Amino acid sequence: MSNTCLVPGVLYWARSPKHFDGNVTVVQVSTIFGDDPNYWTLAVIGSDQHFMPSEFEILAVAEFSVDDSLRQAAE
């Protein structure tokens, strides 16, 4: 998946040889530094770390299903 196809706010599975020992992690496209795609960063979920999209290989959109027990708990 190309970095040019990124959508702000969407979660992605990504990997970087520079970060996290090359392990796959979940990142979110952030516009905290501006709405222009040149200012977008990848925010690592559960931290305050932001990286440049060019430092990561985007593998796929991270889709998570909500199982029924979580849905019922939310209601």
PDB file of N, CA and C in Angstrom:
ATOM      1  N   MET A   1       0.857  -1.177   0.000  1.00  0.00           N
ATOM      2  CA  MET A   1       0.000   0.000   0.000  1.00  0.00           C
ATOM      3  C   MET A   1       0.897   1.232   0.000  1.00  0.00           C
ATOM      4  N   SER A   2       0.592   2.167  -0.818  1.00  0.00           N
ATOM      5  CA  SER A   2       1.398   3.374  -0.957  1.00  0.00           C
ATOM      6  C   SER A   2       1.045   4.400   0.112  1.00  0.00           C
ATOM      7  N   ASN A   3       2.050   5.165   0.537  1.00  0.00           N
ATOM      8  CA  ASN A   3       1.799   6.237   1.504  1.00  0.00           C
ATOM      9  C   ASN A   3       0.910   7.321   0.919  1.00  0.00           C
ATOM     10  N   THR A   4       0.805   7.411  -0.403  1.00  0.00           N
ATOM     11  CA  THR A   4      -0.034   8.442  -1.022  1.00  0.00           C
ATOM     12  C   THR A   4      -1.512   8.117  -0.873  1.00  0.00           C
ATOM     13  N   CYS A   5      -1.830   6.894  -0.472  1.00  0.00           N
ATOM     14  CA  CYS A   5      -3.227   6.480  -0.298  1.00  0.00           C
ATOM     15  C   CYS A   5      -3.688   6.623   1.153  1.00  0.00           C
ATOM     16  N   LEU A   6      -2.890   7.201   2.002  1.00  0.00           N
ATOM     17  CA  LEU A   6      -3.242   7.317   3.415  1.00  0.00           C
ATOM     18  C   LEU A   6      -4.432   8.249   3.617  1.00  0.00           C
ATOM     19  N   VAL A   7      -5.216   7.949   4.650  1.00  0.00           N
ATOM     20  CA  VAL A   7      -6.389   8.746   4.992  1.00  0.00           C
ATOM     21  C   VAL A   7      -6.256   9.163   6.454  1.00  0.00           C
ATOM     22  N   PRO A   8      -6.375  10.464   6.748  1.00  0.00           N
ATOM     23  CA  PRO A   8      -6.262  10.923   8.138  1.00  0.00           C
ATOM     24  C   PRO A   8      -7.266  10.223   9.059  1.00  0.00           C
ATOM     25  N   GLY A   9      -6.781   9.868  10.247  1.00  0.00           N
ATOM     26  CA  GLY A   9      -7.622   9.242  11.256  1.00  0.00           C
ATOM     27  C   GLY A   9      -7.744   7.736  11.140  1.00  0.00           C
ATOM     28  N   VAL A  10      -7.330   7.171  10.013  1.00  0.00           N
ATOM     29  CA  VAL A  10      -7.455   5.732   9.794  1.00  0.00           C
ATOM     30  C   VAL A  10      -6.271   5.010  10.435  1.00  0.00           C
ATOM     31  N   LEU A  11      -6.543   3.816  10.973  1.00  0.00           N
ATOM     32  CA  LEU A  11      -5.505   2.984  11.573  1.00  0.00           C
ATOM     33  C   LEU A  11      -4.945   2.035  10.521  1.00  0.00           C
ATOM     34  N   TYR A  12      -3.630   1.846  10.555  1.00  0.00           N
ATOM     35  CA  TYR A  12      -2.946   0.973   9.604  1.00  0.00           C
ATOM     36  C   TYR A  12      -1.971   0.060  10.331  1.00  0.00           C
ATOM     37  N   TRP A  13      -1.776  -1.138   9.779  1.00  0.00           N
ATOM     38  CA  TRP A  13      -0.673  -1.988  10.179  1.00  0.00           C
ATOM     39  C   TRP A  13       0.538  -1.486   9.409  1.00  0.00           C
ATOM     40  N   ALA A  14       1.658  -1.303  10.102  1.00  0.00           N
ATOM     41  CA  ALA A  14       2.849  -0.758   9.452  1.00  0.00           C
ATOM     42  C   ALA A  14       4.104  -1.366  10.054  1.00  0.00           C
ATOM     43  N   ARG A  15       5.185  -1.261   9.279  1.00  0.00           N
ATOM     44  CA  ARG A  15       6.479  -1.798   9.733  1.00  0.00           C
ATOM     45  C   ARG A  15       7.565  -0.816   9.313  1.00  0.00           C
ATOM     46  N   SER A  16       8.571  -0.672  10.166  1.00  0.00           N
ATOM     47  CA  SER A  16       9.693   0.202   9.861  1.00  0.00           C
ATOM     48  C   SER A  16      10.995  -0.462  10.287  1.00  0.00           C
ATOM     49  N   PRO A  17      11.973  -0.498   9.393  1.00  0.00           N
ATOM     50  CA  PRO A  17      13.270  -1.044   9.803  1.00  0.00           C
ATOM     51  C   PRO A  17      13.985  -0.137  10.810  1.00  0.00           C
ATOM     52  N   LYS A  18      13.591   1.130  10.869  1.00  0.00           N
ATOM     53  CA  LYS A  18      14.220   2.089  11.788  1.00  0.00           C
ATOM     54  C   LYS A  18      13.622   2.057  13.193  1.00  0.00           C
ATOM     55  N   HIS A  19      12.383   1.625  13.301  1.00  0.00           N
ATOM     56  CA  HIS A  19      11.659   1.719  14.579  1.00  0.00           C
ATOM     57  C   HIS A  19      11.069   0.372  14.966  1.00  0.00           C
ATOM     58  N   PHE A  20      11.011   0.109  16.242  1.00  0.00           N
ATOM     59  CA  PHE A  20      10.371  -1.080  16.805  1.00  0.00           C
ATOM     60  C   PHE A  20      11.001  -2.377  16.296  1.00  0.00           C
ATOM     61  N   ASP A  21      12.299  -2.340  16.021  1.00  0.00           N
ATOM     62  CA  ASP A  21      13.039  -3.521  15.567  1.00  0.00           C
ATOM     63  C   ASP A  21      12.414  -4.183  14.347  1.00  0.00           C
ATOM     64  N   GLY A  22      11.726  -3.394  13.541  1.00  0.00           N
ATOM     65  CA  GLY A  22      11.105  -3.923  12.332  1.00  0.00           C
ATOM     66  C   GLY A  22       9.815  -4.682  12.569  1.00  0.00           C
ATOM     67  N   ASN A  23       9.351  -4.703  13.814  1.00  0.00           N
ATOM     68  CA  ASN A  23       8.098  -5.398  14.124  1.00  0.00           C
ATOM     69  C   ASN A  23       6.903  -4.616  13.606  1.00  0.00           C
ATOM     70  N   VAL A  24       5.839  -5.318  13.323  1.00  0.00           N
ATOM     71  CA  VAL A  24       4.604  -4.689  12.852  1.00  0.00           C
ATOM     72  C   VAL A  24       3.936  -3.992  14.028  1.00  0.00           C
ATOM     73  N   THR A  25       3.413  -2.802  13.779  1.00  0.00           N
ATOM     74  CA  THR A  25       2.724  -2.037  14.807  1.00  0.00           C
ATOM     75  C   THR A  25       1.525  -1.342  14.184  1.00  0.00           C
ATOM     76  N   VAL A  26       0.637  -0.834  15.011  1.00  0.00           N
ATOM     77  CA  VAL A  26      -0.523  -0.091  14.534  1.00  0.00           C
ATOM     78  C   VAL A  26      -0.219   1.397  14.635  1.00  0.00           C
ATOM     79  N   VAL A  27      -0.468   2.107  13.538  1.00  0.00           N
ATOM     80  CA  VAL A  27      -0.263   3.554  13.516  1.00  0.00           C
ATOM     81  C   VAL A  27      -1.541   4.224  13.005  1.00  0.00           C
ATOM     82  N   GLN A  28      -1.669   5.493  13.324  1.00  0.00           N
ATOM     83  CA  GLN A  28      -2.810   6.274  12.858  1.00  0.00           C
ATOM     84  C   GLN A  28      -2.295   7.509  12.155  1.00  0.00           C
ATOM     85  N   VAL A  29      -2.880   7.826  11.011  1.00  0.00           N
ATOM     86  CA  VAL A  29      -2.480   9.023  10.287  1.00  0.00           C
ATOM     87  C   VAL A  29      -2.975  10.239  11.062  1.00  0.00           C
ATOM     88  N   SER A  30      -2.045  11.115  11.408  1.00  0.00           N
ATOM     89  CA  SER A  30      -2.338  12.280  12.232  1.00  0.00           C
ATOM     90  C   SER A  30      -2.152  13.569  11.441  1.00  0.00           C
ATOM     91  N   THR A  31      -3.049  14.509  11.679  1.00  0.00           N
ATOM     92  CA  THR A  31      -2.945  15.848  11.074  1.00  0.00           C
ATOM     93  C   THR A  31      -2.649  16.899  12.148  1.00  0.00           C
ATOM     94  N   ILE A  32      -2.053  16.473  13.247  1.00  0.00           N
ATOM     95  CA  ILE A  32      -1.785  17.386  14.364  1.00  0.00           C
ATOM     96  C   ILE A  32      -0.900  18.567  13.955  1.00  0.00           C
ATOM     97  N   PHE A  33      -0.058  18.371  12.948  1.00  0.00           N
ATOM     98  CA  PHE A  33       0.846  19.433  12.504  1.00  0.00           C
ATOM     99  C   PHE A  33       0.324  20.179  11.278  1.00  0.00           C
ATOM    100  N   GLY A  34      -0.841  19.790  10.786  1.00  0.00           N
ATOM    101  CA  GLY A  34      -1.446  20.490   9.656  1.00  0.00           C
ATOM    102  C   GLY A  34      -2.230  19.545   8.764  1.00  0.00           C
ATOM    103  N   ASP A  35      -3.202  20.118   8.050  1.00  0.00           N
ATOM    104  CA  ASP A  35      -4.061  19.324   7.179  1.00  0.00           C
ATOM    105  C   ASP A  35      -3.416  18.964   5.850  1.00  0.00           C
ATOM    106  N   ASP A  36      -2.394  19.697   5.459  1.00  0.00           N
ATOM    107  CA  ASP A  36      -1.698  19.416   4.208  1.00  0.00           C
ATOM    108  C   ASP A  36      -0.973  18.077   4.344  1.00  0.00           C
ATOM    109  N   PRO A  37      -1.103  17.177   3.361  1.00  0.00           N
ATOM    110  CA  PRO A  37      -0.437  15.874   3.451  1.00  0.00           C
ATOM    111  C   PRO A  37       1.068  15.941   3.704  1.00  0.00           C
ATOM    112  N   ASN A  38       1.708  17.042   3.352  1.00  0.00           N
ATOM    113  CA  ASN A  38       3.143  17.191   3.638  1.00  0.00           C
ATOM    114  C   ASN A  38       3.436  17.273   5.133  1.00  0.00           C
ATOM    115  N   TYR A  39       2.414  17.563   5.940  1.00  0.00           N
ATOM    116  CA  TYR A  39       2.587  17.690   7.385  1.00  0.00           C
ATOM    117  C   TYR A  39       2.020  16.509   8.161  1.00  0.00           C
ATOM    118  N   TRP A  40       1.456  15.553   7.475  1.00  0.00           N
ATOM    119  CA  TRP A  40       0.904  14.385   8.154  1.00  0.00           C
ATOM    120  C   TRP A  40       2.014  13.560   8.787  1.00  0.00           C
ATOM    121  N   THR A  41       1.680  12.947   9.900  1.00  0.00           N
ATOM    122  CA  THR A  41       2.598  12.028  10.571  1.00  0.00           C
ATOM    123  C   THR A  41       1.862  10.735  10.874  1.00  0.00           C
ATOM    124  N   LEU A  42       2.616   9.739  11.281  1.00  0.00           N
ATOM    125  CA  LEU A  42       2.028   8.499  11.761  1.00  0.00           C
ATOM    126  C   LEU A  42       2.188   8.464  13.269  1.00  0.00           C
ATOM    127  N   ALA A  43       1.075   8.448  13.962  1.00  0.00           N
ATOM    128  CA  ALA A  43       1.079   8.391  15.418  1.00  0.00           C
ATOM    129  C   ALA A  43       1.011   6.926  15.842  1.00  0.00           C
ATOM    130  N   VAL A  44       1.863   6.563  16.771  1.00  0.00           N
ATOM    131  CA  VAL A  44       1.864   5.202  17.296  1.00  0.00           C
ATOM    132  C   VAL A  44       0.809   5.124  18.388  1.00  0.00           C
ATOM    133  N   ILE A  45      -0.105   4.190  18.234  1.00  0.00           N
ATOM    134  CA  ILE A  45      -1.207   4.046  19.178  1.00  0.00           C
ATOM    135  C   ILE A  45      -0.663   3.702  20.566  1.00  0.00           C
ATOM    136  N   GLY A  46      -1.187   4.389  21.576  1.00  0.00           N
ATOM    137  CA  GLY A  46      -0.768   4.140  22.947  1.00  0.00           C
ATOM    138  C   GLY A  46       0.475   4.901  23.362  1.00  0.00           C
ATOM    139  N   SER A  47       0.910   5.846  22.527  1.00  0.00           N
ATOM    140  CA  SER A  47       2.086   6.646  22.871  1.00  0.00           C
ATOM    141  C   SER A  47       1.903   8.053  22.322  1.00  0.00           C
ATOM    142  N   ASP A  48       2.875   8.900  22.595  1.00  0.00           N
ATOM    143  CA  ASP A  48       2.850  10.253  22.031  1.00  0.00           C
ATOM    144  C   ASP A  48       3.865  10.393  20.895  1.00  0.00           C
ATOM    145  N   GLN A  49       4.297   9.262  20.342  1.00  0.00           N
ATOM    146  CA  GLN A  49       5.305   9.281  19.291  1.00  0.00           C
ATOM    147  C   GLN A  49       4.667   9.505  17.920  1.00  0.00           C
ATOM    148  N   HIS A  50       5.310  10.376  17.141  1.00  0.00           N
ATOM    149  CA  HIS A  50       4.896  10.652  15.768  1.00  0.00           C
ATOM    150  C   HIS A  50       6.106  10.465  14.860  1.00  0.00           C
ATOM    151  N   PHE A  51       5.879   9.813  13.718  1.00  0.00           N
ATOM    152  CA  PHE A  51       6.943   9.566  12.757  1.00  0.00           C
ATOM    153  C   PHE A  51       6.490  10.004  11.371  1.00  0.00           C
ATOM    154  N   MET A  52       7.453  10.199  10.496  1.00  0.00           N
ATOM    155  CA  MET A  52       7.135  10.543   9.114  1.00  0.00           C
ATOM    156  C   MET A  52       6.626   9.290   8.394  1.00  0.00           C
ATOM    157  N   PRO A  53       5.595   9.442   7.561  1.00  0.00           N
ATOM    158  CA  PRO A  53       5.077   8.283   6.818  1.00  0.00           C
ATOM    159  C   PRO A  53       6.139   7.588   5.966  1.00  0.00           C
ATOM    160  N   SER A  54       7.099   8.337   5.470  1.00  0.00           N
ATOM    161  CA  SER A  54       8.136   7.747   4.620  1.00  0.00           C
ATOM    162  C   SER A  54       9.029   6.756   5.372  1.00  0.00           C
ATOM    163  N   GLU A  55       8.992   6.793   6.706  1.00  0.00           N
ATOM    164  CA  GLU A  55       9.806   5.879   7.512  1.00  0.00           C
ATOM    165  C   GLU A  55       9.152   4.511   7.696  1.00  0.00           C
ATOM    166  N   PHE A  56       7.919   4.355   7.214  1.00  0.00           N
ATOM    167  CA  PHE A  56       7.172   3.122   7.417  1.00  0.00           C
ATOM    168  C   PHE A  56       6.701   2.526   6.107  1.00  0.00           C
ATOM    169  N   GLU A  57       6.596   1.228   6.111  1.00  0.00           N
ATOM    170  CA  GLU A  57       5.932   0.503   5.041  1.00  0.00           C
ATOM    171  C   GLU A  57       4.511   0.234   5.544  1.00  0.00           C
ATOM    172  N   ILE A  58       3.535   0.778   4.857  1.00  0.00           N
ATOM    173  CA  ILE A  58       2.148   0.567   5.238  1.00  0.00           C
ATOM    174  C   ILE A  58       1.713  -0.782   4.671  1.00  0.00           C
ATOM    175  N   LEU A  59       1.260  -1.671   5.545  1.00  0.00           N
ATOM    176  CA  LEU A  59       0.924  -3.030   5.134  1.00  0.00           C
ATOM    177  C   LEU A  59      -0.552  -3.186   4.777  1.00  0.00           C
ATOM    178  N   ALA A  60      -1.431  -2.628   5.598  1.00  0.00           N
ATOM    179  CA  ALA A  60      -2.868  -2.779   5.367  1.00  0.00           C
ATOM    180  C   ALA A  60      -3.630  -1.896   6.345  1.00  0.00           C
ATOM    181  N   VAL A  61      -4.877  -1.656   6.026  1.00  0.00           N
ATOM    182  CA  VAL A  61      -5.762  -0.978   6.970  1.00  0.00           C
ATOM    183  C   VAL A  61      -5.978  -1.924   8.141  1.00  0.00           C
ATOM    184  N   ALA A  62      -5.908  -1.393   9.348  1.00  0.00           N
ATOM    185  CA  ALA A  62      -6.119  -2.206  10.548  1.00  0.00           C
ATOM    186  C   ALA A  62      -7.606  -2.207  10.866  1.00  0.00           C
ATOM    187  N   GLU A  63      -8.238  -3.327  10.586  1.00  0.00           N
ATOM    188  CA  GLU A  63      -9.670  -3.465  10.848  1.00  0.00           C
ATOM    189  C   GLU A  63      -9.854  -4.349  12.065  1.00  0.00           C
ATOM    190  N   PHE A  64     -10.586  -3.846  13.018  1.00  0.00           N
ATOM    191  CA  PHE A  64     -10.835  -4.587  14.247  1.00  0.00           C
ATOM    192  C   PHE A  64     -12.331  -4.822  14.375  1.00  0.00           C
ATOM    193  N   SER A  65     -12.701  -6.035  14.679  1.00  0.00           N
ATOM    194  CA  SER A  65     -14.120  -6.326  14.870  1.00  0.00           C
ATOM    195  C   SER A  65     -14.453  -6.166  16.343  1.00  0.00           C
ATOM    196  N   VAL A  66     -15.637  -5.698  16.577  1.00  0.00           N
ATOM    197  CA  VAL A  66     -16.124  -5.573  17.943  1.00  0.00           C
ATOM    198  C   VAL A  66     -16.985  -6.788  18.216  1.00  0.00           C
ATOM    199  N   ASP A  67     -16.539  -7.629  19.148  1.00  0.00           N
ATOM    200  CA  ASP A  67     -17.340  -8.812  19.407  1.00  0.00           C
ATOM    201  C   ASP A  67     -18.594  -8.421  20.196  1.00  0.00           C
ATOM    202  N   ASP A  68     -19.566  -9.283  20.217  1.00  0.00           N
ATOM    203  CA  ASP A  68     -20.851  -8.973  20.804  1.00  0.00           C
ATOM    204  C   ASP A  68     -20.774  -8.608  22.282  1.00  0.00           C
ATOM    205  N   SER A  69     -19.861  -9.229  23.045  1.00  0.00           N
ATOM    206  CA  SER A  69     -19.782  -8.922  24.466  1.00  0.00           C
ATOM    207  C   SER A  69     -19.329  -7.481  24.689  1.00  0.00           C
ATOM    208  N   LEU A  70     -18.420  -6.980  23.852  1.00  0.00           N
ATOM    209  CA  LEU A  70     -18.006  -5.582  23.983  1.00  0.00           C
ATOM    210  C   LEU A  70     -19.134  -4.645  23.567  1.00  0.00           C
ATOM    211  N   ARG A  71     -19.838  -5.015  22.521  1.00  0.00           N
ATOM    212  CA  ARG A  71     -20.944  -4.174  22.064  1.00  0.00           C
ATOM    213  C   ARG A  71     -22.019  -4.091  23.118  1.00  0.00           C
ATOM    214  N   GLN A  72     -22.360  -5.216  23.772  1.00  0.00           N
ATOM    215  CA  GLN A  72     -23.362  -5.222  24.808  1.00  0.00           C
ATOM    216  C   GLN A  72     -22.922  -4.430  26.022  1.00  0.00           C
ATOM    217  N   ALA A  73     -21.636  -4.495  26.349  1.00  0.00           N
ATOM    218  CA  ALA A  73     -21.115  -3.742  27.490  1.00  0.00           C
ATOM    219  C   ALA A  73     -21.211  -2.243  27.238  1.00  0.00           C
ATOM    220  N   ALA A  74     -21.039  -1.840  25.979  1.00  0.00           N
ATOM    221  CA  ALA A  74     -21.113  -0.422  25.643  1.00  0.00           C
ATOM    222  C   ALA A  74     -22.536   0.105  25.705  1.00  0.00           C
ATOM    223  N   GLU A  75     -23.495  -0.774  25.494  1.00  0.00           N
ATOM    224  CA  GLU A  75     -24.895  -0.348  25.523  1.00  0.00           C
ATOM    225  C   GLU A  75     -25.334  -0.233  26.943  1.00  0.00           C
TER     226      GLU A  75
END
